[in-house]
Amino acid sequence: MSSEKQKLDSLWNYSLFEALARRRGFRLPRGCKITKAPFGYISDKEPIPLSELETAILCWTGHGVTGTITADLDHTTHFMNSFIGRTHPNPCNDQHQELMYIDDTGAYLYRPKEPTRNVEFQTPEDREKIITSFKDAKVKMIDGRPQIPEIALMKSNYFNTNKPGTTAFMPIVDVSYEYMNVVLGSCAFERWQIVDDRNGEMCGLKKWVDNGYLNGPTVPLSWLEMAAFNACMSTAHYMVMNISLAATAMGLGGWHYGGYVTLILLGGTPLTNGLGFRFITGKDKMPTPVGKDGFIESLCPPYVKDMSEAVDKFYDMKFGSKGHFGKDYVGMSPWKDKEMPKKIEIPDAQSKEMAKVFMSYVYDTYGRCPAFVDPIFLPVAYAAHHPDLDFYEKYYPEEMVTDTIKDHMKVWHGKE
């Protein structure tokens, strides 16, 4: 069995284009079974969980820190929510999309520390940071594998979802911060006239429309919210695509999937506690996920007193004295001129007031914020495991299974 460094070096040398060409879904883990046509197969092999090294590598490819971004925007009022660079892009580089993974020991968040330099990986020796940083990066949310009832899944996913030995990588998207960023930026820079297309109201902003300050295009509230939703949701798909390509290079089995009911999975029904998230009920009488206490807390009540406080919290995170555009910021900056963050013109008091009025209007009108999309959602997942190769030998042409998959147990686990 090769050393950890040798394994990392082999991945660095694996062709991206080879991974793209050979990526496939290998859905049958060791120890699982398919009993319905066209297959009839029961795996008699003992499940083998991913090693800590395998998990660390997949977490890093999905959500790892790579240094700082370039932040090269031609804007006076800067939209970037952070300078931290990751293996995937983020809308406005918002850092409130999380990577959760679930294995036999529990449910964890992967939260690596901030970068120590602008380009974190510069030499072959730097690659070992993927391993050394992982121990501090994992935060346990739930002890033991969460029980997910079959009613939360599509029937086609019963046979291999959340089974012993498998690891599910599930991005958790918090849209509330990017939503706030868009609203504050639109007030300060874009000057959008945001209209509630359900009732024709100007979302509390009529005074600034009438006095000519908000003189930009008219934007429907539903469009603004869907734009923020789609931008944040794309991050989750970037994560799982990265993970699937890494799994291909490592010779692991796995598959992309949705087909689960987020409401049930997060614990929003009496059927199961699921992942134990907190829900509120808006004026639509529907349960809305807003966070998991102590771990993921969106910019919504009950995690803030009201939406005015939510704006203050966001503003302080970004423009406060210790925010990345603040006068006392000490973190990594992407520019040669380390005083550059302090030179950015920040939104003025009027823009902040408009954001508070707007956010309060949405919450007071709909009993939730955002009004039409959930603050927290899980759009897609990737399951990684060790597949039963006898199944694929029985049912598929030989060229479907790469040598990397065939040799995985020997190379990564020292087993024939």
Protein backbone atom coordinates (compact mmCIF):
# COMPACT_ATOMS: atom_id res chain seq x y z
CA MET A 1 0.00 0.00 0.00
CA SER A 2 1.44 3.33 -1.00
CA SER A 3 1.96 6.19 1.45
CA GLU A 4 -0.51 9.03 1.90
CA LYS A 5 1.84 11.35 0.01
CA GLN A 6 2.11 8.93 -2.89
CA LYS A 7 -1.66 8.67 -3.09
CA LEU A 8 -2.04 12.45 -3.14
CA ASP A 9 0.66 12.77 -5.81
CA SER A 10 -1.10 10.18 -7.96
CA LEU A 11 -4.32 12.21 -7.80
CA TRP A 12 -2.48 15.42 -8.74
CA ASN A 13 -1.17 13.62 -11.81
CA TYR A 14 -4.52 12.09 -12.82
CA SER A 15 -5.86 13.79 -15.93
CA LEU A 16 -8.95 15.96 -15.56
CA PHE A 17 -9.99 14.95 -19.05
CA GLU A 18 -9.58 11.27 -18.19
CA ALA A 19 -11.84 11.80 -15.16
CA LEU A 20 -14.43 13.55 -17.31
CA ALA A 21 -14.35 10.77 -19.89
CA ARG A 22 -14.48 7.89 -17.40
CA ARG A 23 -16.84 9.28 -14.76
CA ARG A 24 -19.80 6.94 -14.29
CA GLY A 25 -22.33 6.16 -11.61
CA PHE A 26 -21.40 2.98 -9.72
CA ARG A 27 -24.45 2.71 -7.48
CA LEU A 28 -24.17 -0.72 -5.86
CA PRO A 29 -22.08 -0.65 -2.67
CA ARG A 30 -20.65 -3.71 -1.02
CA GLY A 31 -23.27 -5.33 1.21
CA CYS A 32 -26.31 -4.00 -0.68
CA LYS A 33 -28.74 -5.70 -3.03
CA ILE A 34 -30.89 -5.10 -6.08
CA THR A 35 -33.88 -7.43 -6.20
CA LYS A 36 -35.95 -6.09 -9.08
CA ALA A 37 -35.56 -6.41 -12.86
CA PRO A 38 -33.47 -6.04 -14.86
CA PHE A 39 -30.96 -6.94 -12.12
CA GLY A 40 -31.14 -9.57 -9.45
CA TYR A 41 -28.08 -9.37 -7.24
CA ILE A 42 -27.31 -9.65 -3.53
CA SER A 43 -23.83 -8.55 -2.50
CA ASP A 44 -22.26 -10.92 0.02
CA LYS A 45 -19.28 -8.64 0.60
CA GLU A 46 -18.75 -6.85 3.90
CA PRO A 47 -19.16 -3.06 3.62
CA ILE A 48 -15.86 -1.18 3.93
CA PRO A 49 -16.25 2.47 5.03
CA LEU A 50 -14.15 5.21 3.46
CA SER A 51 -10.89 5.77 5.29
CA GLU A 52 -10.18 9.12 6.93
CA LEU A 53 -7.79 9.87 4.06
CA GLU A 54 -10.44 9.13 1.43
CA THR A 55 -12.99 11.27 3.27
CA ALA A 56 -10.51 14.12 3.71
CA ILE A 57 -9.68 14.16 0.02
CA LEU A 58 -13.33 14.17 -1.08
CA CYS A 59 -14.19 16.93 1.41
CA TRP A 60 -11.31 19.07 0.16
CA THR A 61 -12.21 18.61 -3.50
CA GLY A 62 -15.79 19.55 -2.69
CA HIS A 63 -15.27 22.51 -0.37
CA GLY A 64 -11.58 22.95 0.35
CA VAL A 65 -9.74 26.23 0.93
CA THR A 66 -7.26 27.10 -1.84
CA GLY A 67 -6.04 30.59 -0.85
CA THR A 68 -7.72 33.89 -1.69
CA ILE A 69 -9.87 35.00 -4.59
CA THR A 70 -8.83 37.78 -7.00
CA ALA A 71 -11.83 40.02 -6.14
CA ASP A 72 -11.25 41.95 -9.37
CA LEU A 73 -14.55 43.82 -9.61
CA ASP A 74 -15.08 47.16 -11.31
CA HIS A 75 -17.42 48.38 -8.58
CA THR A 76 -17.11 51.18 -6.08
CA THR A 77 -19.32 49.33 -3.63
CA HIS A 78 -17.82 45.87 -3.44
CA PHE A 79 -20.14 42.83 -3.58
CA MET A 80 -17.69 40.19 -2.33
CA ASN A 81 -18.74 38.62 0.98
CA SER A 82 -15.30 37.14 1.68
CA PHE A 83 -11.78 36.85 0.31
CA ILE A 84 -11.49 33.10 0.99
CA GLY A 85 -10.93 30.99 -2.12
CA ARG A 86 -12.33 27.46 -2.40
CA THR A 87 -12.27 24.60 -4.86
CA HIS A 88 -15.65 25.79 -6.18
CA PRO A 89 -17.04 29.23 -7.06
CA ASN A 90 -19.61 31.01 -4.89
CA PRO A 91 -22.07 33.79 -5.73
CA CYS A 92 -20.33 36.98 -4.57
CA ASN A 93 -17.92 34.59 -2.82
CA ASP A 94 -20.47 34.06 -0.06
CA GLN A 95 -19.12 31.60 2.53
CA HIS A 96 -22.43 30.37 3.92
CA GLN A 97 -22.77 27.25 1.82
CA GLU A 98 -21.70 24.24 3.89
CA LEU A 99 -20.56 20.72 3.08
CA MET A 100 -22.05 18.05 5.32
CA TYR A 101 -21.05 14.42 5.17
CA ILE A 102 -22.78 11.45 6.78
CA ASP A 103 -21.07 8.15 7.52
CA ASP A 104 -21.43 5.30 10.03
CA THR A 105 -20.13 7.49 12.88
CA GLY A 106 -22.35 10.53 12.45
CA ALA A 107 -23.17 13.69 10.51
CA TYR A 108 -20.40 16.27 10.20
CA LEU A 109 -19.77 19.71 8.77
CA TYR A 110 -16.47 20.22 6.95
CA ARG A 111 -15.11 23.62 8.02
CA PRO A 112 -11.42 24.10 7.18
CA LYS A 113 -9.54 27.08 8.57
CA GLU A 114 -8.92 30.25 6.59
CA PRO A 115 -5.98 30.36 4.16
CA THR A 116 -2.48 31.21 5.33
CA ARG A 117 -1.36 32.60 1.96
CA ASN A 118 -2.86 33.75 -1.34
CA VAL A 119 -2.12 30.46 -3.11
CA GLU A 120 -2.28 27.71 -0.52
CA PHE A 121 -1.00 24.90 -2.74
CA GLN A 122 2.26 25.82 -4.44
CA THR A 123 4.54 22.79 -4.00
CA PRO A 124 4.02 19.01 -3.79
CA GLU A 125 4.65 19.25 -0.05
CA ASP A 126 1.63 21.53 0.34
CA ARG A 127 -0.68 18.72 -0.75
CA GLU A 128 -0.46 17.12 2.67
CA LYS A 129 -2.42 20.09 4.07
CA ILE A 130 -5.50 18.26 2.80
CA ILE A 131 -4.84 15.60 5.43
CA THR A 132 -3.43 17.68 8.29
CA SER A 133 -6.21 20.27 8.11
CA PHE A 134 -9.01 17.70 8.03
CA LYS A 135 -8.81 16.73 11.70
CA ASP A 136 -9.58 20.30 12.78
CA ALA A 137 -12.06 20.88 9.95
CA LYS A 138 -14.71 18.30 10.84
CA VAL A 139 -17.47 19.39 13.21
CA LYS A 140 -19.81 16.68 14.44
CA MET A 141 -23.48 17.66 14.39
CA ILE A 142 -25.06 14.26 15.08
CA ASP A 143 -23.60 11.20 16.77
CA GLY A 144 -24.19 8.02 14.78
CA ARG A 145 -25.78 7.58 11.37
CA PRO A 146 -29.09 9.53 11.24
CA GLN A 147 -32.15 7.42 10.59
CA ILE A 148 -33.85 8.45 7.37
CA PRO A 149 -37.23 6.80 6.72
CA GLU A 150 -37.84 5.42 3.26
CA ILE A 151 -40.74 7.83 2.78
CA ALA A 152 -38.12 10.59 2.51
CA LEU A 153 -36.65 8.95 -0.60
CA MET A 154 -37.72 7.99 -4.08
CA LYS A 155 -38.24 4.23 -4.27
CA SER A 156 -35.42 3.88 -6.78
CA ASN A 157 -33.01 5.10 -4.09
CA TYR A 158 -34.04 2.79 -1.24
CA PHE A 159 -31.47 0.08 -1.93
CA ASN A 160 -28.27 2.10 -1.48
CA THR A 161 -29.01 5.36 0.37
CA ASN A 162 -27.63 5.83 3.89
CA LYS A 163 -26.43 2.22 4.09
CA PRO A 164 -23.54 0.92 6.25
CA GLY A 165 -20.16 1.72 4.75
CA THR A 166 -21.44 4.53 2.51
CA THR A 167 -20.65 8.22 2.89
CA ALA A 168 -23.11 10.86 1.68
CA PHE A 169 -21.76 14.32 0.85
CA MET A 170 -24.61 16.82 1.07
CA PRO A 171 -24.14 20.56 0.51
CA ILE A 172 -26.33 22.67 2.78
CA VAL A 173 -27.18 26.01 1.20
CA ASP A 174 -28.01 29.08 3.29
CA VAL A 175 -29.41 31.67 0.88
CA SER A 176 -30.07 34.35 3.54
CA TYR A 177 -26.63 35.98 3.45
CA GLU A 178 -26.41 36.28 -0.33
CA TYR A 179 -30.03 37.47 -0.37
CA MET A 180 -29.10 40.20 2.09
CA ASN A 181 -26.02 41.03 0.02
CA VAL A 182 -28.09 41.45 -3.15
CA VAL A 183 -30.64 43.66 -1.39
CA LEU A 184 -28.04 45.90 0.26
CA GLY A 185 -26.06 46.14 -2.98
CA SER A 186 -29.15 46.94 -5.01
CA CYS A 187 -30.05 49.78 -2.66
CA ALA A 188 -26.52 51.23 -2.56
CA PHE A 189 -25.38 50.65 -6.12
CA GLU A 190 -27.91 49.17 -8.54
CA ARG A 191 -30.77 51.39 -7.29
CA TRP A 192 -33.38 48.76 -8.17
CA GLN A 193 -37.07 49.52 -7.68
CA ILE A 194 -38.16 46.23 -6.14
CA VAL A 195 -41.88 45.57 -6.51
CA ASP A 196 -43.83 42.80 -4.79
CA ASP A 197 -45.43 41.15 -7.80
CA ARG A 198 -48.05 39.48 -5.57
CA ASN A 199 -49.69 42.78 -4.59
CA GLY A 200 -47.97 45.62 -6.50
CA GLU A 201 -46.38 47.16 -3.38
CA MET A 202 -42.90 48.70 -3.59
CA CYS A 203 -41.68 46.54 -0.67
CA GLY A 204 -41.57 49.52 1.69
CA LEU A 205 -39.28 51.49 -0.63
CA LYS A 206 -41.85 53.85 -2.20
CA LYS A 207 -40.38 56.92 -0.47
CA TRP A 208 -37.02 56.41 -2.19
CA VAL A 209 -38.69 55.66 -5.51
CA ASP A 210 -40.76 58.84 -5.28
CA ASN A 211 -37.79 61.06 -4.39
CA GLY A 212 -35.81 59.65 -7.33
CA TYR A 213 -33.05 57.94 -5.37
CA LEU A 214 -34.09 54.46 -6.50
CA ASN A 215 -34.02 55.18 -10.22
CA GLY A 216 -32.86 51.81 -11.57
CA PRO A 217 -34.94 49.17 -13.33
CA THR A 218 -38.10 47.74 -11.79
CA VAL A 219 -37.34 44.27 -10.43
CA PRO A 220 -40.05 41.80 -9.26
CA LEU A 221 -39.53 40.45 -5.76
CA SER A 222 -40.09 36.87 -6.93
CA TRP A 223 -37.37 37.26 -9.59
CA LEU A 224 -34.87 38.70 -7.10
CA GLU A 225 -35.44 35.83 -4.69
CA MET A 226 -35.23 33.18 -7.39
CA ALA A 227 -32.01 34.75 -8.70
CA ALA A 228 -30.41 34.52 -5.25
CA PHE A 229 -31.75 30.98 -4.85
CA ASN A 230 -30.38 29.81 -8.21
CA ALA A 231 -26.99 31.40 -7.64
CA CYS A 232 -26.57 29.75 -4.24
CA MET A 233 -27.95 26.42 -5.44
CA SER A 234 -25.32 26.29 -8.21
CA THR A 235 -22.63 26.10 -5.52
CA ALA A 236 -24.01 22.77 -4.31
CA HIS A 237 -23.79 21.31 -7.82
CA TYR A 238 -20.22 22.52 -8.20
CA MET A 239 -19.33 20.75 -4.95
CA VAL A 240 -20.76 17.38 -5.90
CA MET A 241 -19.29 17.53 -9.41
CA ASN A 242 -15.85 18.11 -7.92
CA ILE A 243 -16.36 15.22 -5.52
CA SER A 244 -17.52 12.88 -8.27
CA LEU A 245 -14.46 13.65 -10.42
CA ALA A 246 -12.18 13.06 -7.44
CA ALA A 247 -13.94 9.76 -6.70
CA THR A 248 -13.32 8.75 -10.32
CA ALA A 249 -9.62 9.53 -9.98
CA MET A 250 -9.46 7.54 -6.72
CA GLY A 251 -11.31 4.51 -8.08
CA LEU A 252 -14.25 4.81 -5.71
CA GLY A 253 -17.85 4.06 -6.55
CA GLY A 254 -20.53 6.68 -6.18
CA TRP A 255 -23.43 8.58 -7.70
CA HIS A 256 -25.12 11.96 -7.80
CA TYR A 257 -28.63 12.04 -6.45
CA GLY A 258 -31.54 14.20 -5.40
CA GLY A 259 -34.88 12.51 -5.09
CA TYR A 260 -35.20 13.08 -1.36
CA VAL A 261 -37.76 15.18 0.49
CA THR A 262 -35.81 17.95 2.20
CA LEU A 263 -38.69 18.69 4.57
CA ILE A 264 -38.53 15.16 5.99
CA LEU A 265 -34.75 14.85 5.82
CA LEU A 266 -34.20 18.04 7.83
CA GLY A 267 -36.78 17.02 10.44
CA GLY A 268 -39.74 19.21 9.55
CA THR A 269 -42.41 16.53 10.05
CA PRO A 270 -43.48 14.26 12.94
CA LEU A 271 -42.20 11.26 10.91
CA THR A 272 -38.59 11.64 12.03
CA ASN A 273 -36.21 14.04 13.71
CA GLY A 274 -33.99 13.65 10.64
CA LEU A 275 -31.09 16.05 10.86
CA GLY A 276 -32.77 18.03 13.63
CA PHE A 277 -33.10 21.43 11.94
CA ARG A 278 -35.26 24.26 13.26
CA PHE A 279 -38.38 25.24 11.33
CA ILE A 280 -40.68 28.25 11.50
CA THR A 281 -44.19 28.61 10.08
CA GLY A 282 -44.87 31.60 7.86
CA LYS A 283 -48.20 33.04 6.83
CA ASP A 284 -48.44 30.37 4.14
CA LYS A 285 -48.79 27.87 7.05
CA MET A 286 -45.92 25.81 5.68
CA PRO A 287 -42.86 24.77 7.73
CA THR A 288 -39.73 26.64 6.64
CA PRO A 289 -36.20 25.46 7.60
CA VAL A 290 -34.08 28.26 9.05
CA GLY A 291 -31.09 26.46 10.58
CA LYS A 292 -29.69 23.99 13.06
CA ASP A 293 -29.10 25.57 16.46
CA GLY A 294 -25.43 26.20 17.19
CA PHE A 295 -24.26 25.03 13.77
CA ILE A 296 -26.07 26.74 10.89
CA GLU A 297 -28.09 29.83 11.73
CA SER A 298 -29.56 31.89 8.91
CA LEU A 299 -30.24 35.63 9.01
CA CYS A 300 -33.84 35.01 10.11
CA PRO A 301 -35.75 34.95 13.39
CA PRO A 302 -35.33 33.27 15.85
CA TYR A 303 -31.57 33.64 15.25
CA VAL A 304 -32.03 37.42 15.13
CA LYS A 305 -34.60 39.51 16.97
CA ASP A 306 -35.99 40.97 13.74
CA MET A 307 -34.88 41.74 10.19
CA SER A 308 -33.46 45.10 11.21
CA GLU A 309 -31.04 43.25 13.48
CA ALA A 310 -30.32 40.84 10.62
CA VAL A 311 -29.15 43.75 8.44
CA ASP A 312 -26.93 45.04 11.25
CA LYS A 313 -25.40 41.58 11.70
CA PHE A 314 -24.66 41.23 7.99
CA TYR A 315 -23.32 44.79 7.70
CA ASP A 316 -20.98 44.24 10.66
CA MET A 317 -19.74 40.92 9.21
CA LYS A 318 -18.73 42.64 5.98
CA PHE A 319 -18.11 46.32 6.75
CA GLY A 320 -17.64 46.39 10.54
CA SER A 321 -14.22 47.20 11.99
CA LYS A 322 -13.07 43.58 11.79
CA GLY A 323 -14.94 42.69 8.60
CA HIS A 324 -12.91 42.15 5.44
CA PHE A 325 -13.69 45.72 4.36
CA GLY A 326 -13.19 47.07 7.90
CA LYS A 327 -10.43 49.31 9.24
CA ASP A 328 -9.15 46.64 11.65
CA TYR A 329 -9.23 43.67 9.27
CA VAL A 330 -6.23 41.38 9.80
CA GLY A 331 -7.04 38.42 7.52
CA MET A 332 -5.68 37.53 4.09
CA SER A 333 -6.21 40.12 1.34
CA PRO A 334 -5.93 39.25 -2.38
CA TRP A 335 -4.15 42.45 -3.44
CA LYS A 336 -0.54 43.63 -3.25
CA ASP A 337 -1.74 46.82 -1.59
CA LYS A 338 -2.83 45.52 1.80
CA GLU A 339 -4.64 48.80 2.48
CA MET A 340 -6.94 48.19 -0.50
CA PRO A 341 -9.88 46.75 1.51
CA LYS A 342 -10.01 49.94 3.58
CA LYS A 343 -10.34 52.07 0.43
CA ILE A 344 -13.60 50.48 -0.73
CA GLU A 345 -16.59 52.81 -0.41
CA ILE A 346 -19.11 51.10 1.85
CA PRO A 347 -22.91 51.44 1.63
CA ASP A 348 -24.06 54.59 3.42
CA ALA A 349 -26.60 54.90 6.23
CA GLN A 350 -29.43 55.54 3.76
CA SER A 351 -28.72 52.27 1.92
CA LYS A 352 -28.61 50.41 5.21
CA GLU A 353 -31.96 51.97 6.22
CA MET A 354 -33.53 50.94 2.89
CA ALA A 355 -32.31 47.37 3.36
CA LYS A 356 -33.87 47.28 6.83
CA VAL A 357 -37.18 48.61 5.53
CA PHE A 358 -37.21 46.13 2.66
CA MET A 359 -36.31 43.07 4.77
CA SER A 360 -38.86 44.04 7.42
CA TYR A 361 -41.53 44.44 4.74
CA VAL A 362 -40.89 40.92 3.44
CA TYR A 363 -40.92 39.34 6.89
CA ASP A 364 -43.98 41.26 8.12
CA THR A 365 -45.91 40.54 4.92
CA TYR A 366 -45.11 36.85 4.60
CA GLY A 367 -44.02 35.78 8.10
CA ARG A 368 -40.71 34.60 6.68
CA CYS A 369 -37.73 35.97 4.79
CA PRO A 370 -37.12 35.27 1.95
CA ALA A 371 -40.80 35.17 1.06
CA PHE A 372 -40.88 32.58 -1.71
CA VAL A 373 -37.78 30.39 -1.29
CA ASP A 374 -36.53 28.61 1.82
CA PRO A 375 -33.53 30.12 3.63
CA ILE A 376 -32.02 26.61 3.98
CA PHE A 377 -32.12 23.85 1.39
CA LEU A 378 -30.31 20.68 0.29
CA PRO A 379 -30.53 20.49 -3.50
CA VAL A 380 -28.23 17.58 -4.39
CA ALA A 381 -25.89 14.97 -2.89
CA TYR A 382 -23.11 12.58 -3.79
CA ALA A 383 -22.77 9.14 -2.26
CA ALA A 384 -19.28 7.59 -2.22
CA HIS A 385 -18.56 3.96 -1.39
CA HIS A 386 -16.62 0.85 -2.32
CA PRO A 387 -18.63 -0.92 -5.02
CA ASP A 388 -19.14 -4.66 -5.40
CA LEU A 389 -17.05 -5.28 -8.51
CA ASP A 390 -18.49 -8.78 -9.04
CA PHE A 391 -21.83 -7.15 -9.87
CA TYR A 392 -20.25 -4.96 -12.54
CA GLU A 393 -18.25 -7.87 -13.93
CA LYS A 394 -21.47 -9.87 -14.25
CA TYR A 395 -23.63 -7.25 -15.94
CA TYR A 396 -21.32 -4.82 -17.78
CA PRO A 397 -18.69 -4.87 -20.54
CA GLU A 398 -15.15 -5.08 -19.20
CA GLU A 399 -14.16 -1.60 -20.39
CA MET A 400 -16.83 0.06 -18.20
CA VAL A 401 -14.79 -0.61 -15.05
CA THR A 402 -11.42 1.17 -15.09
CA ASP A 403 -8.17 -0.26 -13.77
CA THR A 404 -8.25 2.51 -11.17
CA ILE A 405 -11.48 1.05 -9.74
CA LYS A 406 -10.23 -2.53 -10.01
CA ASP A 407 -6.99 -1.68 -8.19
CA HIS A 408 -8.52 0.62 -5.56
CA MET A 409 -8.68 -1.85 -2.66
CA LYS A 410 -5.07 -2.89 -3.18
CA VAL A 411 -3.69 0.64 -3.60
CA TRP A 412 -5.74 2.40 -0.93
CA HIS A 413 -6.42 -0.39 1.61
CA GLY A 414 -3.76 -3.03 1.03
CA LYS A 415 -6.35 -5.66 0.18
CA GLU A 416 -6.58 -7.89 -2.88
